[in-house]
Amino acid sequence: MKKKEGNREFDIGARVIVNEKAPGAYFAQLGTVLEIVLGSRYGIKFDNQKELTVYLDAECLDPAPRANHIVRPPRESPRTKPRTNERSRLAHL
């Protein structure tokens, strides 16, 4: 089930983030759409809350940013990797 409000369209299960138009306590919180009520209000379960469902207008919600891929640090090449040998490990003794 989809509900469209202007350019905003959120499905049940969509990830959303609360924008600056929402009441201050909810600003920048991430959550999941659980239900659509009265055409333009969404029941949201926030990630940092257990059981509470909060109802916000569509204008207070934006799609949550998605991570396209996991960013991993580059692998160390043998040229830049510090070498350890028996002498260097024992040098401090």
Protein backbone atom coordinates (compact mmCIF):
# COMPACT_ATOMS: atom_id res chain seq x y z
CA MET A 1 0.00 0.00 0.00
CA LYS A 2 1.42 3.36 -1.01
CA LYS A 3 0.45 6.86 -0.12
CA LYS A 4 1.62 9.83 -2.14
CA GLU A 5 1.79 13.34 -0.73
CA GLY A 6 3.21 15.79 -3.26
CA ASN A 7 6.60 14.37 -4.19
CA ARG A 8 6.82 12.19 -1.09
CA GLU A 9 5.82 8.59 -1.34
CA PHE A 10 6.40 6.11 1.46
CA ASP A 11 5.49 2.47 1.48
CA ILE A 12 4.80 0.42 4.55
CA GLY A 13 8.24 -0.63 5.76
CA ALA A 14 10.01 2.38 4.18
CA ARG A 15 12.93 3.88 6.09
CA VAL A 16 12.43 7.58 6.86
CA ILE A 17 14.20 10.39 8.70
CA VAL A 18 12.37 13.21 10.46
CA ASN A 19 13.09 16.68 9.05
CA GLU A 20 13.07 20.14 10.66
CA LYS A 21 9.28 20.60 10.20
CA ALA A 22 8.52 18.03 12.91
CA PRO A 23 8.30 18.73 16.63
CA GLY A 24 11.79 19.22 18.08
CA ALA A 25 11.96 15.97 20.02
CA TYR A 26 11.77 13.91 16.83
CA PHE A 27 14.14 15.88 14.58
CA ALA A 28 16.76 13.75 12.74
CA GLN A 29 15.48 10.44 14.11
CA LEU A 30 15.46 7.39 11.86
CA GLY A 31 12.46 5.10 11.75
CA THR A 32 10.28 2.72 9.77
CA VAL A 33 6.79 3.38 8.40
CA LEU A 34 4.36 0.94 10.04
CA GLU A 35 1.06 2.33 8.79
CA ILE A 36 -0.58 5.09 6.78
CA VAL A 37 -3.39 6.97 8.52
CA LEU A 38 -5.85 9.60 7.26
CA GLY A 39 -4.15 9.89 3.89
CA SER A 40 -1.09 11.94 4.82
CA ARG A 41 -0.09 10.81 8.30
CA TYR A 42 2.33 7.98 8.88
CA GLY A 43 2.76 5.75 11.89
CA ILE A 44 6.50 5.60 12.53
CA LYS A 45 8.49 3.31 14.83
CA PHE A 46 11.81 4.95 15.64
CA ASP A 47 14.97 2.89 15.88
CA ASN A 48 15.79 4.13 19.39
CA GLN A 49 12.36 3.31 20.90
CA LYS A 50 10.91 -0.07 21.77
CA GLU A 51 7.13 -0.15 21.34
CA LEU A 52 5.99 3.44 20.76
CA THR A 53 4.46 4.37 17.39
CA VAL A 54 4.50 8.11 16.59
CA TYR A 55 2.18 9.63 13.99
CA LEU A 56 3.64 12.40 11.84
CA ASP A 57 2.48 14.30 8.75
CA ALA A 58 4.13 13.54 5.41
CA GLU A 59 5.71 17.01 5.35
CA CYS A 60 7.76 16.09 8.44
CA LEU A 61 9.38 13.06 6.80
CA ASP A 62 12.10 12.53 4.22
CA PRO A 63 13.42 9.27 2.78
CA ALA A 64 16.28 7.95 4.89
CA PRO A 65 19.66 8.03 3.17
CA ARG A 66 20.77 4.62 1.94
CA ALA A 67 24.25 3.24 2.13
CA ASN A 68 25.09 1.94 -1.33
CA HIS A 69 27.95 -0.17 -0.14
CA ILE A 70 30.07 -0.84 2.88
CA VAL A 71 33.11 1.38 2.98
CA ARG A 72 36.15 -0.58 4.02
CA PRO A 73 39.62 0.78 4.61
CA PRO A 74 42.10 0.03 1.85
CA ARG A 75 44.26 -3.01 2.31
CA GLU A 76 47.83 -2.38 3.29
CA SER A 77 50.28 -3.11 0.55
CA PRO A 78 53.49 -4.98 1.39
CA ARG A 79 55.40 -1.76 0.62
CA THR A 80 53.60 0.37 3.21
CA LYS A 81 52.97 -2.27 5.85
CA PRO A 82 55.39 -1.93 8.76
CA ARG A 83 57.60 -4.94 9.08
CA THR A 84 58.11 -6.77 12.31
CA ASN A 85 60.95 -9.12 12.80
CA GLU A 86 62.61 -10.74 15.75
CA ARG A 87 65.07 -7.88 16.25
CA SER A 88 62.47 -5.09 16.19
CA ARG A 89 60.18 -6.96 18.60
CA LEU A 90 63.04 -7.49 21.04
CA ALA A 91 64.61 -4.03 20.60
CA HIS A 92 62.69 -2.51 23.51
CA LEU A 93 63.90 -5.16 25.98
